[in-house]
Amino acid sequence: MVKKLTDMRPNLAIKYELDDQLVTLAIAQAAVGIAADVASQATGMDSDKHIQLQDRLHAVVFDAMNELLRDGGSTSCH
């Protein structure tokens, strides 16, 4: 799935006229939702715990993207 999304990223950026980093962030955000859902189902988390997990995962993704942008790094595959 990661390879498929990585391969699709440049095409999505072009199709929707988005920066490659924004597409990467959108993919990461979708992955966060999936990961939180799977974890909550596997562990039987209640709704509040699920929301807390998802919020924490979102924070990690945003921090990583901000660090990349601050350091001048690029997520581009070009």
N, C-alpha and C. Protein backbone atom coordinates (compact mmCIF):
# COMPACT_ATOMS: atom_id res chain seq x y z
N MET A 1 0.82 -1.19 0.00
CA MET A 1 0.00 0.00 0.00
C MET A 1 0.87 1.26 0.00
N VAL A 2 1.97 1.24 0.78
CA VAL A 2 2.86 2.39 0.83
C VAL A 2 3.44 2.67 -0.55
N LYS A 3 3.89 1.62 -1.24
CA LYS A 3 4.45 1.80 -2.58
C LYS A 3 3.42 2.38 -3.53
N LYS A 4 2.21 1.88 -3.47
CA LYS A 4 1.13 2.37 -4.34
C LYS A 4 0.88 3.85 -4.10
N LEU A 5 0.77 4.24 -2.83
CA LEU A 5 0.53 5.65 -2.52
C LEU A 5 1.72 6.52 -2.92
N THR A 6 2.93 6.01 -2.70
CA THR A 6 4.13 6.75 -3.08
C THR A 6 4.18 6.94 -4.59
N ASP A 7 3.82 5.92 -5.33
CA ASP A 7 3.80 6.02 -6.79
C ASP A 7 2.73 6.99 -7.28
N MET A 8 1.62 7.06 -6.55
CA MET A 8 0.51 7.93 -6.95
C MET A 8 0.75 9.39 -6.61
N ARG A 9 1.62 9.66 -5.64
CA ARG A 9 1.81 11.01 -5.12
C ARG A 9 2.08 12.06 -6.19
N PRO A 10 3.04 11.87 -7.10
CA PRO A 10 3.29 12.90 -8.10
C PRO A 10 2.08 13.17 -9.01
N ASN A 11 1.38 12.12 -9.37
CA ASN A 11 0.20 12.29 -10.23
C ASN A 11 -0.91 13.04 -9.51
N LEU A 12 -1.11 12.73 -8.22
CA LEU A 12 -2.12 13.45 -7.45
C LEU A 12 -1.75 14.93 -7.32
N ALA A 13 -0.48 15.20 -7.11
CA ALA A 13 -0.02 16.60 -6.98
C ALA A 13 -0.32 17.37 -8.26
N ILE A 14 -0.06 16.76 -9.39
CA ILE A 14 -0.30 17.42 -10.67
C ILE A 14 -1.80 17.55 -10.93
N LYS A 15 -2.53 16.48 -10.74
CA LYS A 15 -3.97 16.47 -11.03
C LYS A 15 -4.71 17.54 -10.24
N TYR A 16 -4.38 17.68 -8.96
CA TYR A 16 -5.10 18.62 -8.11
C TYR A 16 -4.33 19.93 -7.88
N GLU A 17 -3.25 20.10 -8.64
CA GLU A 17 -2.42 21.30 -8.57
C GLU A 17 -2.00 21.59 -7.13
N LEU A 18 -1.48 20.57 -6.48
CA LEU A 18 -1.03 20.68 -5.10
C LEU A 18 0.48 20.47 -5.03
N ASP A 19 1.07 21.05 -4.02
CA ASP A 19 2.48 20.81 -3.74
C ASP A 19 2.66 19.35 -3.34
N ASP A 20 3.76 18.76 -3.72
CA ASP A 20 4.05 17.36 -3.41
C ASP A 20 4.03 17.12 -1.91
N GLN A 21 4.49 18.10 -1.12
CA GLN A 21 4.49 17.94 0.33
C GLN A 21 3.08 17.93 0.90
N LEU A 22 2.17 18.70 0.29
CA LEU A 22 0.78 18.68 0.75
C LEU A 22 0.14 17.32 0.48
N VAL A 23 0.47 16.74 -0.65
CA VAL A 23 -0.06 15.41 -0.98
C VAL A 23 0.49 14.39 0.02
N THR A 24 1.77 14.52 0.34
CA THR A 24 2.39 13.62 1.32
C THR A 24 1.69 13.75 2.67
N LEU A 25 1.41 14.98 3.08
CA LEU A 25 0.72 15.21 4.34
C LEU A 25 -0.68 14.59 4.32
N ALA A 26 -1.38 14.75 3.22
CA ALA A 26 -2.73 14.17 3.11
C ALA A 26 -2.68 12.65 3.21
N ILE A 27 -1.69 12.04 2.57
CA ILE A 27 -1.53 10.59 2.64
C ILE A 27 -1.21 10.17 4.08
N ALA A 28 -0.34 10.92 4.73
CA ALA A 28 0.02 10.61 6.11
C ALA A 28 -1.19 10.75 7.03
N GLN A 29 -1.99 11.77 6.81
CA GLN A 29 -3.19 11.98 7.62
C GLN A 29 -4.17 10.82 7.43
N ALA A 30 -4.32 10.36 6.22
CA ALA A 30 -5.20 9.21 5.97
C ALA A 30 -4.66 7.97 6.67
N ALA A 31 -3.34 7.80 6.64
CA ALA A 31 -2.73 6.65 7.30
C ALA A 31 -2.94 6.72 8.81
N VAL A 32 -2.92 7.91 9.37
CA VAL A 32 -3.17 8.09 10.80
C VAL A 32 -4.57 7.59 11.15
N GLY A 33 -5.54 7.98 10.35
CA GLY A 33 -6.91 7.53 10.60
C GLY A 33 -7.04 6.03 10.54
N ILE A 34 -6.39 5.43 9.56
CA ILE A 34 -6.43 3.97 9.42
C ILE A 34 -5.76 3.30 10.61
N ALA A 35 -4.58 3.81 11.00
CA ALA A 35 -3.84 3.22 12.12
C ALA A 35 -4.63 3.32 13.42
N ALA A 36 -5.25 4.46 13.66
CA ALA A 36 -6.05 4.64 14.87
C ALA A 36 -7.24 3.70 14.89
N ASP A 37 -7.90 3.54 13.75
CA ASP A 37 -9.04 2.63 13.67
C ASP A 37 -8.64 1.19 13.94
N VAL A 38 -7.54 0.76 13.34
CA VAL A 38 -7.08 -0.62 13.52
C VAL A 38 -6.68 -0.85 14.97
N ALA A 39 -5.94 0.11 15.55
CA ALA A 39 -5.51 -0.05 16.94
C ALA A 39 -6.69 -0.09 17.89
N SER A 40 -7.67 0.76 17.65
CA SER A 40 -8.82 0.77 18.56
C SER A 40 -9.64 -0.51 18.44
N GLN A 41 -9.75 -1.04 17.23
CA GLN A 41 -10.48 -2.29 17.05
C GLN A 41 -9.72 -3.46 17.69
N ALA A 42 -8.40 -3.46 17.53
CA ALA A 42 -7.59 -4.57 18.04
C ALA A 42 -7.55 -4.59 19.57
N THR A 43 -7.62 -3.40 20.17
CA THR A 43 -7.49 -3.33 21.63
C THR A 43 -8.82 -3.07 22.33
N GLY A 44 -9.88 -2.85 21.56
CA GLY A 44 -11.19 -2.59 22.16
C GLY A 44 -11.29 -1.23 22.83
N MET A 45 -10.57 -0.26 22.30
CA MET A 45 -10.60 1.09 22.88
C MET A 45 -12.00 1.68 22.80
N ASP A 46 -12.31 2.48 23.82
CA ASP A 46 -13.57 3.21 23.74
C ASP A 46 -13.36 4.44 22.84
N SER A 47 -14.42 5.13 22.57
CA SER A 47 -14.39 6.26 21.64
C SER A 47 -13.44 7.36 22.07
N ASP A 48 -13.43 7.69 23.36
CA ASP A 48 -12.55 8.75 23.85
C ASP A 48 -11.08 8.38 23.67
N LYS A 49 -10.71 7.15 23.99
CA LYS A 49 -9.33 6.70 23.83
C LYS A 49 -8.94 6.70 22.35
N HIS A 50 -9.87 6.31 21.48
CA HIS A 50 -9.61 6.31 20.04
C HIS A 50 -9.32 7.73 19.56
N ILE A 51 -10.10 8.67 20.01
CA ILE A 51 -9.89 10.07 19.61
C ILE A 51 -8.55 10.58 20.14
N GLN A 52 -8.21 10.23 21.37
CA GLN A 52 -6.92 10.64 21.94
C GLN A 52 -5.76 10.06 21.14
N LEU A 53 -5.85 8.80 20.77
CA LEU A 53 -4.81 8.16 19.97
C LEU A 53 -4.68 8.86 18.63
N GLN A 54 -5.80 9.09 17.99
CA GLN A 54 -5.77 9.73 16.68
C GLN A 54 -5.17 11.14 16.78
N ASP A 55 -5.53 11.88 17.79
CA ASP A 55 -4.97 13.21 17.99
C ASP A 55 -3.46 13.16 18.20
N ARG A 56 -2.99 12.19 18.98
CA ARG A 56 -1.55 12.06 19.20
C ARG A 56 -0.83 11.68 17.92
N LEU A 57 -1.41 10.79 17.13
CA LEU A 57 -0.80 10.42 15.86
C LEU A 57 -0.76 11.60 14.88
N HIS A 58 -1.83 12.38 14.85
CA HIS A 58 -1.86 13.58 14.00
C HIS A 58 -0.75 14.54 14.41
N ALA A 59 -0.55 14.72 15.71
CA ALA A 59 0.49 15.62 16.19
C ALA A 59 1.87 15.16 15.74
N VAL A 60 2.11 13.85 15.78
CA VAL A 60 3.40 13.32 15.33
C VAL A 60 3.61 13.60 13.84
N VAL A 61 2.58 13.39 13.04
CA VAL A 61 2.69 13.64 11.60
C VAL A 61 2.95 15.12 11.34
N PHE A 62 2.21 16.00 11.99
CA PHE A 62 2.41 17.43 11.79
C PHE A 62 3.80 17.86 12.23
N ASP A 63 4.28 17.33 13.36
CA ASP A 63 5.62 17.67 13.82
C ASP A 63 6.68 17.23 12.81
N ALA A 64 6.52 16.04 12.28
CA ALA A 64 7.48 15.54 11.29
C ALA A 64 7.46 16.39 10.03
N MET A 65 6.28 16.76 9.55
CA MET A 65 6.20 17.59 8.35
C MET A 65 6.78 18.98 8.61
N ASN A 66 6.51 19.55 9.78
CA ASN A 66 7.07 20.86 10.12
C ASN A 66 8.59 20.81 10.19
N GLU A 67 9.11 19.73 10.73
CA GLU A 67 10.56 19.58 10.80
C GLU A 67 11.17 19.49 9.40
N LEU A 68 10.52 18.74 8.53
CA LEU A 68 11.01 18.66 7.15
C LEU A 68 11.00 20.02 6.48
N LEU A 69 9.92 20.76 6.65
CA LEU A 69 9.82 22.08 6.04
C LEU A 69 10.83 23.05 6.64
N ARG A 70 11.02 23.00 7.94
CA ARG A 70 11.94 23.89 8.62
C ARG A 70 13.37 23.62 8.19
N ASP A 71 13.71 22.35 8.04
CA ASP A 71 15.07 21.96 7.66
C ASP A 71 15.32 22.07 6.16
N GLY A 72 14.29 22.46 5.41
CA GLY A 72 14.44 22.59 3.96
C GLY A 72 14.42 21.28 3.24
N GLY A 73 14.04 20.22 3.95
CA GLY A 73 13.98 18.90 3.33
C GLY A 73 12.82 18.80 2.38
N SER A 74 12.88 17.87 1.48
CA SER A 74 11.82 17.69 0.51
C SER A 74 11.37 16.25 0.51
N THR A 75 10.07 16.07 0.39
CA THR A 75 9.51 14.71 0.29
C THR A 75 9.28 14.33 -1.15
N SER A 76 9.76 15.15 -2.05
CA SER A 76 9.54 14.93 -3.47
C SER A 76 10.32 13.74 -3.98
N CYS A 77 9.72 12.99 -4.87
CA CYS A 77 10.39 11.85 -5.49
C CYS A 77 10.99 12.23 -6.83
N HIS A 78 10.93 13.52 -7.21
CA HIS A 78 11.41 13.95 -8.52
C HIS A 78 12.89 14.09 -8.51
